[in-house]
Amino acid sequence: MKSATSNQATSAPTSSRGNRPRSDGHVAAASGGIIALSTGLAAGFGALGLLNRADWAIAAFVTDPKGPNSLPGVEFPNQLPVWVVWGAVLVASAFVSVTILTTPGWERRLLLWFSTLLLVAAWAPVLSLAAFFPEISAVFAASAWAGLCACVYAANHRMPCDHPKSSPQP
């Protein structure tokens, strides 16, 4: 009697969790889902009040790294409009998910993800120097979640960029 695993094609790449062949990945559908999930996560954090706490902690750290519990006389007269913050959430999560899903190799994917997180974190001192309150926690949370989701999806699916079409031999 043959086992179920002996009937599978031996040339198909397998997932990281066993002998199950990996299915084909879809960049557009996966990116749309990842963008929705990461934006929803950031909105949920905002509804719970976690984003405000994180933004104030970031502002305190940027203005006085030695004493993160106080803002010694620092005021931020300007505040970013809400649509700018949530637009940045959508753009950052779309950028991270699409670039990770269209980039071959897990090393490059991780490099893109961490580079994006570093760039988002670097907004805090720039906004502070421009006298804007550094509201980056929503963008950071959405970028982190989008990158994690995209890396997990790409690891468990055969992405088109991982197997480029062969060019004709001259």
N, C-alpha and C. Protein backbone atom coordinates (compact mmCIF):
# COMPACT_ATOMS: atom_id res chain seq x y z
N MET A 1 0.84 -1.17 0.00
CA MET A 1 0.00 0.00 0.00
C MET A 1 0.88 1.23 0.00
N LYS A 2 0.57 2.17 -0.88
CA LYS A 2 1.36 3.39 -1.00
C LYS A 2 0.87 4.42 -0.01
N SER A 3 1.83 5.18 0.50
CA SER A 3 1.44 6.26 1.41
C SER A 3 1.06 7.50 0.60
N ALA A 4 0.41 8.44 1.26
CA ALA A 4 -0.05 9.67 0.59
C ALA A 4 1.13 10.53 0.15
N THR A 5 2.24 10.44 0.86
CA THR A 5 3.39 11.28 0.51
C THR A 5 4.14 10.74 -0.70
N SER A 6 4.02 9.47 -1.00
CA SER A 6 4.74 8.94 -2.15
C SER A 6 4.08 9.34 -3.46
N ASN A 7 2.83 9.77 -3.44
CA ASN A 7 2.15 10.18 -4.65
C ASN A 7 2.48 11.61 -5.05
N GLN A 8 3.09 12.37 -4.16
CA GLN A 8 3.41 13.76 -4.47
C GLN A 8 4.60 13.83 -5.41
N ALA A 9 4.61 14.90 -6.19
CA ALA A 9 5.74 15.11 -7.09
C ALA A 9 6.96 15.46 -6.27
N THR A 10 8.10 14.85 -6.60
CA THR A 10 9.31 15.09 -5.83
C THR A 10 10.00 16.37 -6.22
N SER A 11 9.66 16.96 -7.36
CA SER A 11 10.35 18.17 -7.80
C SER A 11 9.71 19.45 -7.27
N ALA A 12 8.54 19.37 -6.67
CA ALA A 12 7.87 20.58 -6.18
C ALA A 12 8.52 21.05 -4.88
N PRO A 13 8.80 22.33 -4.77
CA PRO A 13 9.36 22.84 -3.53
C PRO A 13 8.38 22.65 -2.39
N THR A 14 8.91 22.40 -1.21
CA THR A 14 8.05 22.18 -0.07
C THR A 14 8.10 23.37 0.87
N SER A 15 7.09 23.44 1.72
CA SER A 15 7.05 24.53 2.68
C SER A 15 7.99 24.21 3.83
N SER A 16 8.13 25.16 4.72
CA SER A 16 9.02 24.99 5.85
C SER A 16 8.43 24.05 6.90
N ARG A 17 7.16 23.66 6.74
CA ARG A 17 6.51 22.81 7.74
C ARG A 17 6.20 21.44 7.17
N GLY A 18 7.17 20.74 6.66
CA GLY A 18 6.93 19.37 6.25
C GLY A 18 7.08 19.15 4.76
N ASN A 19 6.44 18.08 4.30
CA ASN A 19 6.59 17.65 2.92
C ASN A 19 5.49 18.17 2.01
N ARG A 20 4.63 19.02 2.52
CA ARG A 20 3.53 19.56 1.71
C ARG A 20 4.09 20.52 0.67
N PRO A 21 3.74 20.36 -0.62
CA PRO A 21 4.26 21.28 -1.63
C PRO A 21 3.70 22.69 -1.43
N ARG A 22 4.53 23.66 -1.70
CA ARG A 22 4.11 25.06 -1.55
C ARG A 22 3.24 25.46 -2.73
N SER A 23 2.19 26.18 -2.44
CA SER A 23 1.32 26.66 -3.51
C SER A 23 1.87 27.95 -4.09
N ASP A 24 1.36 28.32 -5.25
CA ASP A 24 1.80 29.55 -5.89
C ASP A 24 1.31 30.76 -5.11
N GLY A 25 2.18 31.75 -4.96
CA GLY A 25 1.83 32.97 -4.26
C GLY A 25 1.30 34.02 -5.23
N HIS A 26 0.44 34.88 -4.75
CA HIS A 26 -0.14 35.94 -5.55
C HIS A 26 0.17 37.27 -4.89
N VAL A 27 0.89 38.12 -5.59
CA VAL A 27 1.35 39.37 -5.01
C VAL A 27 0.20 40.32 -4.74
N ALA A 28 -0.68 40.52 -5.70
CA ALA A 28 -1.74 41.51 -5.55
C ALA A 28 -2.72 41.14 -4.44
N ALA A 29 -3.19 39.91 -4.45
CA ALA A 29 -4.16 39.50 -3.43
C ALA A 29 -3.53 39.49 -2.04
N ALA A 30 -2.33 38.97 -1.94
CA ALA A 30 -1.66 38.93 -0.64
C ALA A 30 -1.36 40.34 -0.14
N SER A 31 -0.91 41.21 -1.02
CA SER A 31 -0.62 42.59 -0.61
C SER A 31 -1.88 43.30 -0.12
N GLY A 32 -2.98 43.11 -0.82
CA GLY A 32 -4.23 43.73 -0.38
C GLY A 32 -4.65 43.26 1.00
N GLY A 33 -4.54 41.97 1.24
CA GLY A 33 -4.88 41.44 2.55
C GLY A 33 -3.94 41.93 3.64
N ILE A 34 -2.66 41.99 3.32
CA ILE A 34 -1.67 42.44 4.30
C ILE A 34 -1.87 43.92 4.63
N ILE A 35 -2.15 44.72 3.61
CA ILE A 35 -2.41 46.15 3.85
C ILE A 35 -3.62 46.33 4.75
N ALA A 36 -4.68 45.58 4.49
CA ALA A 36 -5.89 45.68 5.31
C ALA A 36 -5.62 45.24 6.74
N LEU A 37 -4.90 44.14 6.91
CA LEU A 37 -4.61 43.65 8.26
C LEU A 37 -3.71 44.61 9.04
N SER A 38 -2.68 45.13 8.40
CA SER A 38 -1.77 46.02 9.12
C SER A 38 -2.42 47.35 9.45
N THR A 39 -3.26 47.86 8.56
CA THR A 39 -4.00 49.09 8.85
C THR A 39 -5.01 48.84 9.97
N GLY A 40 -5.66 47.70 9.94
CA GLY A 40 -6.60 47.35 11.00
C GLY A 40 -5.91 47.19 12.35
N LEU A 41 -4.72 46.63 12.35
CA LEU A 41 -3.96 46.50 13.59
C LEU A 41 -3.62 47.87 14.16
N ALA A 42 -3.14 48.77 13.31
CA ALA A 42 -2.81 50.12 13.76
C ALA A 42 -4.06 50.85 14.26
N ALA A 43 -5.18 50.68 13.57
CA ALA A 43 -6.43 51.32 14.01
C ALA A 43 -6.89 50.74 15.35
N GLY A 44 -6.72 49.45 15.53
CA GLY A 44 -7.07 48.83 16.81
C GLY A 44 -6.20 49.34 17.94
N PHE A 45 -4.90 49.47 17.68
CA PHE A 45 -4.01 50.05 18.69
C PHE A 45 -4.42 51.48 19.01
N GLY A 46 -4.84 52.22 17.99
CA GLY A 46 -5.30 53.59 18.21
C GLY A 46 -6.56 53.63 19.05
N ALA A 47 -7.49 52.72 18.80
CA ALA A 47 -8.73 52.68 19.56
C ALA A 47 -8.48 52.32 21.02
N LEU A 48 -7.45 51.53 21.28
CA LEU A 48 -7.11 51.16 22.65
C LEU A 48 -6.28 52.23 23.35
N GLY A 49 -5.84 53.23 22.62
CA GLY A 49 -5.03 54.29 23.22
C GLY A 49 -3.55 53.97 23.28
N LEU A 50 -3.15 52.86 22.70
CA LEU A 50 -1.74 52.47 22.75
C LEU A 50 -0.86 53.37 21.88
N LEU A 51 -1.41 53.88 20.78
CA LEU A 51 -0.61 54.72 19.89
C LEU A 51 -0.25 56.04 20.56
N ASN A 52 -1.19 56.64 21.31
CA ASN A 52 -0.90 57.89 22.00
C ASN A 52 0.21 57.71 23.03
N ARG A 53 0.12 56.62 23.79
CA ARG A 53 1.16 56.36 24.79
C ARG A 53 2.51 56.16 24.13
N ALA A 54 2.53 55.40 23.05
CA ALA A 54 3.79 55.15 22.35
C ALA A 54 4.35 56.44 21.74
N ASP A 55 3.47 57.27 21.17
CA ASP A 55 3.94 58.54 20.59
C ASP A 55 4.53 59.46 21.64
N TRP A 56 3.90 59.53 22.83
CA TRP A 56 4.45 60.37 23.90
C TRP A 56 5.77 59.82 24.41
N ALA A 57 5.91 58.50 24.49
CA ALA A 57 7.18 57.91 24.90
C ALA A 57 8.27 58.20 23.88
N ILE A 58 7.93 58.13 22.61
CA ILE A 58 8.89 58.44 21.55
C ILE A 58 9.29 59.91 21.61
N ALA A 59 8.31 60.79 21.82
CA ALA A 59 8.61 62.22 21.92
C ALA A 59 9.51 62.51 23.11
N ALA A 60 9.26 61.85 24.23
CA ALA A 60 10.09 62.05 25.41
C ALA A 60 11.51 61.55 25.16
N PHE A 61 11.63 60.42 24.49
CA PHE A 61 12.96 59.87 24.22
C PHE A 61 13.74 60.74 23.25
N VAL A 62 13.07 61.22 22.24
CA VAL A 62 13.75 62.05 21.23
C VAL A 62 14.22 63.37 21.82
N THR A 63 13.40 63.96 22.69
CA THR A 63 13.77 65.26 23.24
C THR A 63 14.77 65.16 24.38
N ASP A 64 14.71 64.06 25.17
CA ASP A 64 15.62 63.89 26.29
C ASP A 64 15.89 62.40 26.50
N PRO A 65 16.88 61.84 25.80
CA PRO A 65 17.12 60.40 25.88
C PRO A 65 17.51 59.90 27.27
N LYS A 66 18.02 60.78 28.14
CA LYS A 66 18.44 60.33 29.46
C LYS A 66 17.27 60.20 30.43
N GLY A 67 16.23 60.96 30.21
CA GLY A 67 15.06 60.92 31.09
C GLY A 67 13.79 60.75 30.31
N PRO A 68 13.41 59.53 29.91
CA PRO A 68 12.26 59.35 29.03
C PRO A 68 10.91 59.61 29.68
N ASN A 69 10.87 59.92 30.98
CA ASN A 69 9.58 60.13 31.63
C ASN A 69 9.14 61.59 31.67
N SER A 70 9.97 62.49 31.19
CA SER A 70 9.59 63.90 31.25
C SER A 70 9.96 64.61 29.96
N LEU A 71 9.22 65.65 29.68
CA LEU A 71 9.52 66.51 28.54
C LEU A 71 9.88 67.88 29.13
N PRO A 72 11.16 68.13 29.37
CA PRO A 72 11.56 69.36 30.08
C PRO A 72 11.39 70.61 29.23
N GLY A 73 10.20 71.20 29.28
CA GLY A 73 9.95 72.45 28.60
C GLY A 73 9.87 72.36 27.09
N VAL A 74 9.76 71.17 26.55
CA VAL A 74 9.69 71.01 25.10
C VAL A 74 8.24 71.04 24.68
N GLU A 75 7.95 71.88 23.70
CA GLU A 75 6.60 71.94 23.17
C GLU A 75 6.64 71.66 21.67
N PHE A 76 5.59 71.07 21.20
CA PHE A 76 5.45 70.80 19.77
C PHE A 76 4.26 71.62 19.28
N PRO A 77 4.52 72.81 18.72
CA PRO A 77 3.40 73.67 18.31
C PRO A 77 2.63 73.13 17.11
N ASN A 78 3.23 72.25 16.36
CA ASN A 78 2.58 71.73 15.15
C ASN A 78 2.23 70.26 15.35
N GLN A 79 1.14 69.86 14.73
CA GLN A 79 0.75 68.45 14.75
C GLN A 79 0.37 68.05 13.33
N LEU A 80 0.77 66.85 12.96
CA LEU A 80 0.44 66.36 11.62
C LEU A 80 -1.07 66.15 11.51
N PRO A 81 -1.66 66.47 10.36
CA PRO A 81 -3.08 66.16 10.16
C PRO A 81 -3.30 64.64 10.22
N VAL A 82 -4.46 64.25 10.66
CA VAL A 82 -4.78 62.83 10.81
C VAL A 82 -4.67 62.10 9.48
N TRP A 83 -5.10 62.75 8.40
CA TRP A 83 -5.07 62.08 7.11
C TRP A 83 -3.62 61.82 6.65
N VAL A 84 -2.67 62.64 7.09
CA VAL A 84 -1.27 62.41 6.74
C VAL A 84 -0.74 61.17 7.45
N VAL A 85 -1.08 61.04 8.72
CA VAL A 85 -0.61 59.88 9.49
C VAL A 85 -1.19 58.59 8.91
N TRP A 86 -2.49 58.56 8.65
CA TRP A 86 -3.10 57.33 8.14
C TRP A 86 -2.77 57.10 6.67
N GLY A 87 -2.50 58.16 5.92
CA GLY A 87 -1.99 57.99 4.56
C GLY A 87 -0.61 57.35 4.58
N ALA A 88 0.21 57.78 5.54
CA ALA A 88 1.54 57.17 5.67
C ALA A 88 1.44 55.72 6.10
N VAL A 89 0.44 55.39 6.92
CA VAL A 89 0.22 53.99 7.31
C VAL A 89 -0.08 53.15 6.07
N LEU A 90 -0.97 53.63 5.22
CA LEU A 90 -1.32 52.89 4.00
C LEU A 90 -0.14 52.77 3.05
N VAL A 91 0.57 53.88 2.84
CA VAL A 91 1.71 53.86 1.92
C VAL A 91 2.81 52.95 2.44
N ALA A 92 3.13 53.04 3.73
CA ALA A 92 4.21 52.22 4.28
C ALA A 92 3.86 50.74 4.25
N SER A 93 2.63 50.39 4.62
CA SER A 93 2.27 48.97 4.60
C SER A 93 2.20 48.44 3.17
N ALA A 94 1.76 49.27 2.22
CA ALA A 94 1.74 48.85 0.82
C ALA A 94 3.16 48.68 0.30
N PHE A 95 4.02 49.64 0.61
CA PHE A 95 5.41 49.57 0.16
C PHE A 95 6.09 48.31 0.70
N VAL A 96 5.96 48.07 1.99
CA VAL A 96 6.62 46.92 2.60
C VAL A 96 6.10 45.62 2.02
N SER A 97 4.79 45.48 1.94
CA SER A 97 4.24 44.20 1.48
C SER A 97 4.56 43.94 0.01
N VAL A 98 4.41 44.92 -0.85
CA VAL A 98 4.68 44.71 -2.28
C VAL A 98 6.16 44.47 -2.53
N THR A 99 7.02 45.24 -1.91
CA THR A 99 8.46 45.05 -2.16
C THR A 99 8.95 43.72 -1.62
N ILE A 100 8.46 43.30 -0.47
CA ILE A 100 8.89 42.00 0.06
C ILE A 100 8.38 40.87 -0.81
N LEU A 101 7.15 40.95 -1.26
CA LEU A 101 6.59 39.86 -2.07
C LEU A 101 7.14 39.82 -3.49
N THR A 102 7.74 40.89 -3.96
CA THR A 102 8.31 40.90 -5.32
C THR A 102 9.83 40.84 -5.31
N THR A 103 10.43 40.60 -4.16
CA THR A 103 11.89 40.51 -4.05
C THR A 103 12.29 39.07 -3.80
N PRO A 104 13.22 38.53 -4.58
CA PRO A 104 13.64 37.14 -4.36
C PRO A 104 14.63 37.04 -3.19
N GLY A 105 14.56 35.93 -2.48
CA GLY A 105 15.52 35.64 -1.42
C GLY A 105 15.11 36.20 -0.07
N TRP A 106 15.18 35.36 0.96
CA TRP A 106 14.74 35.79 2.29
C TRP A 106 15.68 36.82 2.89
N GLU A 107 16.97 36.79 2.53
CA GLU A 107 17.91 37.77 3.08
C GLU A 107 17.54 39.18 2.60
N ARG A 108 17.22 39.29 1.33
CA ARG A 108 16.83 40.60 0.78
C ARG A 108 15.51 41.06 1.37
N ARG A 109 14.60 40.14 1.58
CA ARG A 109 13.31 40.50 2.17
C ARG A 109 13.48 41.05 3.58
N LEU A 110 14.30 40.38 4.37
CA LEU A 110 14.55 40.87 5.72
C LEU A 110 15.26 42.21 5.71
N LEU A 111 16.19 42.39 4.79
CA LEU A 111 16.90 43.67 4.68
C LEU A 111 15.93 44.80 4.33
N LEU A 112 15.01 44.55 3.41
CA LEU A 112 13.99 45.55 3.07
C LEU A 112 13.10 45.88 4.26
N TRP A 113 12.68 44.86 4.98
CA TRP A 113 11.79 45.05 6.12
C TRP A 113 12.47 45.89 7.21
N PHE A 114 13.67 45.50 7.60
CA PHE A 114 14.37 46.23 8.66
C PHE A 114 14.80 47.62 8.21
N SER A 115 15.14 47.79 6.95
CA SER A 115 15.47 49.12 6.44
C SER A 115 14.26 50.05 6.51
N THR A 116 13.09 49.52 6.17
CA THR A 116 11.88 50.33 6.26
C THR A 116 11.58 50.72 7.70
N LEU A 117 11.74 49.79 8.62
CA LEU A 117 11.51 50.11 10.03
C LEU A 117 12.50 51.15 10.53
N LEU A 118 13.73 51.07 10.08
CA LEU A 118 14.73 52.07 10.47
C LEU A 118 14.39 53.44 9.91
N LEU A 119 13.94 53.49 8.66
CA LEU A 119 13.54 54.77 8.07
C LEU A 119 12.34 55.38 8.79
N VAL A 120 11.38 54.56 9.15
CA VAL A 120 10.21 55.07 9.87
C VAL A 120 10.63 55.59 11.24
N ALA A 121 11.50 54.85 11.93
CA ALA A 121 11.97 55.30 13.24
C ALA A 121 12.77 56.60 13.12
N ALA A 122 13.43 56.81 12.01
CA ALA A 122 14.22 58.03 11.82
C ALA A 122 13.34 59.26 11.59
N TRP A 123 12.04 59.06 11.37
CA TRP A 123 11.14 60.21 11.23
C TRP A 123 10.99 60.98 12.54
N ALA A 124 11.10 60.30 13.67
CA ALA A 124 10.84 60.94 14.97
C ALA A 124 11.74 62.14 15.22
N PRO A 125 13.05 62.04 15.11
CA PRO A 125 13.87 63.24 15.34
C PRO A 125 13.68 64.30 14.27
N VAL A 126 13.40 63.90 13.05
CA VAL A 126 13.18 64.88 11.98
C VAL A 126 11.92 65.68 12.25
N LEU A 127 10.84 65.00 12.61
CA LEU A 127 9.60 65.70 12.94
C LEU A 127 9.77 66.59 14.16
N SER A 128 10.52 66.12 15.14
CA SER A 128 10.76 66.93 16.34
C SER A 128 11.54 68.18 16.03
N LEU A 129 12.53 68.08 15.18
CA LEU A 129 13.31 69.25 14.79
C LEU A 129 12.47 70.25 14.01
N ALA A 130 11.47 69.77 13.32
CA ALA A 130 10.58 70.65 12.58
C ALA A 130 9.41 71.14 13.44
N ALA A 131 9.49 70.90 14.75
CA ALA A 131 8.48 71.32 15.73
C ALA A 131 7.14 70.63 15.52
N PHE A 132 7.16 69.42 14.97
CA PHE A 132 5.96 68.60 14.85
C PHE A 132 6.02 67.50 15.89
N PHE A 133 4.88 67.18 16.47
CA PHE A 133 4.81 66.07 17.40
C PHE A 133 5.07 64.78 16.62
N PRO A 134 6.02 63.94 17.07
CA PRO A 134 6.38 62.74 16.29
C PRO A 134 5.37 61.61 16.43
N GLU A 135 4.38 61.63 15.57
CA GLU A 135 3.35 60.57 15.57
C GLU A 135 3.76 59.49 14.58
N ILE A 136 4.65 58.61 15.01
CA ILE A 136 5.14 57.58 14.11
C ILE A 136 4.74 56.18 14.54
N SER A 137 4.12 56.03 15.70
CA SER A 137 3.85 54.69 16.19
C SER A 137 2.86 53.93 15.31
N ALA A 138 1.88 54.60 14.73
CA ALA A 138 0.93 53.91 13.85
C ALA A 138 1.64 53.41 12.60
N VAL A 139 2.49 54.23 12.03
CA VAL A 139 3.23 53.84 10.83
C VAL A 139 4.21 52.71 11.15
N PHE A 140 4.87 52.81 12.30
CA PHE A 140 5.83 51.78 12.69
C PHE A 140 5.12 50.45 12.93
N ALA A 141 4.00 50.47 13.64
CA ALA A 141 3.28 49.22 13.91
C ALA A 141 2.76 48.59 12.62
N ALA A 142 2.22 49.41 11.72
CA ALA A 142 1.71 48.88 10.45
C ALA A 142 2.85 48.32 9.59
N SER A 143 3.98 49.02 9.56
CA SER A 143 5.12 48.54 8.77
C SER A 143 5.69 47.24 9.34
N ALA A 144 5.78 47.17 10.66
CA ALA A 144 6.30 45.96 11.29
C ALA A 144 5.39 44.77 11.01
N TRP A 145 4.08 44.97 11.15
CA TRP A 145 3.14 43.87 10.93
C TRP A 145 3.08 43.49 9.45
N ALA A 146 3.10 44.46 8.57
CA ALA A 146 3.06 44.17 7.13
C ALA A 146 4.32 43.39 6.72
N GLY A 147 5.46 43.78 7.24
CA GLY A 147 6.69 43.06 6.92
C GLY A 147 6.68 41.64 7.42
N LEU A 148 6.20 41.45 8.65
CA LEU A 148 6.12 40.10 9.20
C LEU A 148 5.17 39.23 8.39
N CYS A 149 4.00 39.76 8.09
CA CYS A 149 3.03 38.99 7.29
C CYS A 149 3.57 38.66 5.90
N ALA A 150 4.21 39.63 5.26
CA ALA A 150 4.74 39.39 3.92
C ALA A 150 5.87 38.37 3.93
N CYS A 151 6.72 38.42 4.94
CA CYS A 151 7.81 37.43 5.03
C CYS A 151 7.28 36.03 5.27
N VAL A 152 6.28 35.90 6.14
CA VAL A 152 5.68 34.59 6.40
C VAL A 152 4.98 34.07 5.15
N TYR A 153 4.24 34.94 4.46
CA TYR A 153 3.54 34.53 3.24
C TYR A 153 4.55 34.08 2.18
N ALA A 154 5.61 34.86 1.99
CA ALA A 154 6.60 34.52 0.97
C ALA A 154 7.35 33.24 1.32
N ALA A 155 7.52 32.97 2.61
CA ALA A 155 8.21 31.74 3.01
C ALA A 155 7.36 30.50 2.77
N ASN A 156 6.05 30.65 2.77
CA ASN A 156 5.16 29.50 2.62
C ASN A 156 4.53 29.37 1.24
N HIS A 157 4.92 30.22 0.30
CA HIS A 157 4.39 30.16 -1.06
C HIS A 157 5.52 30.29 -2.07
N ARG A 158 5.28 29.77 -3.25
CA ARG A 158 6.22 29.95 -4.37
C ARG A 158 5.89 31.29 -5.01
N MET A 159 6.75 32.27 -4.77
CA MET A 159 6.51 33.59 -5.33
C MET A 159 7.05 33.65 -6.76
N PRO A 160 6.43 34.43 -7.64
CA PRO A 160 6.90 34.52 -9.03
C PRO A 160 8.35 34.99 -9.13
N CYS A 161 8.80 35.83 -8.23
CA CYS A 161 10.16 36.35 -8.30
C CYS A 161 11.20 35.31 -7.88
N ASP A 162 10.80 34.29 -7.15
CA ASP A 162 11.75 33.27 -6.71
C ASP A 162 12.18 32.34 -7.83
N HIS A 163 11.34 32.21 -8.83
CA HIS A 163 11.63 31.33 -9.96
C HIS A 163 11.46 32.12 -11.24
N PRO A 164 12.49 32.92 -11.62
CA PRO A 164 12.34 33.74 -12.83
C PRO A 164 12.21 32.86 -14.07
N LYS A 165 11.52 33.42 -15.05
CA LYS A 165 11.36 32.71 -16.31
C LYS A 165 12.72 32.60 -16.98
N SER A 166 12.99 31.45 -17.54
CA SER A 166 14.29 31.25 -18.20
C SER A 166 14.32 31.99 -19.53
N SER A 167 15.44 32.61 -19.80
CA SER A 167 15.59 33.31 -21.07
C SER A 167 16.08 32.35 -22.13
N PRO A 168 15.76 32.60 -23.39
CA PRO A 168 16.20 31.69 -24.45
C PRO A 168 17.72 31.67 -24.58
N GLN A 169 18.24 30.50 -24.84
CA GLN A 169 19.69 30.34 -25.01
C GLN A 169 20.10 30.84 -26.41
N PRO A 170 21.20 31.59 -26.51
CA PRO A 170 21.63 32.07 -27.84
C PRO A 170 22.22 30.98 -28.69
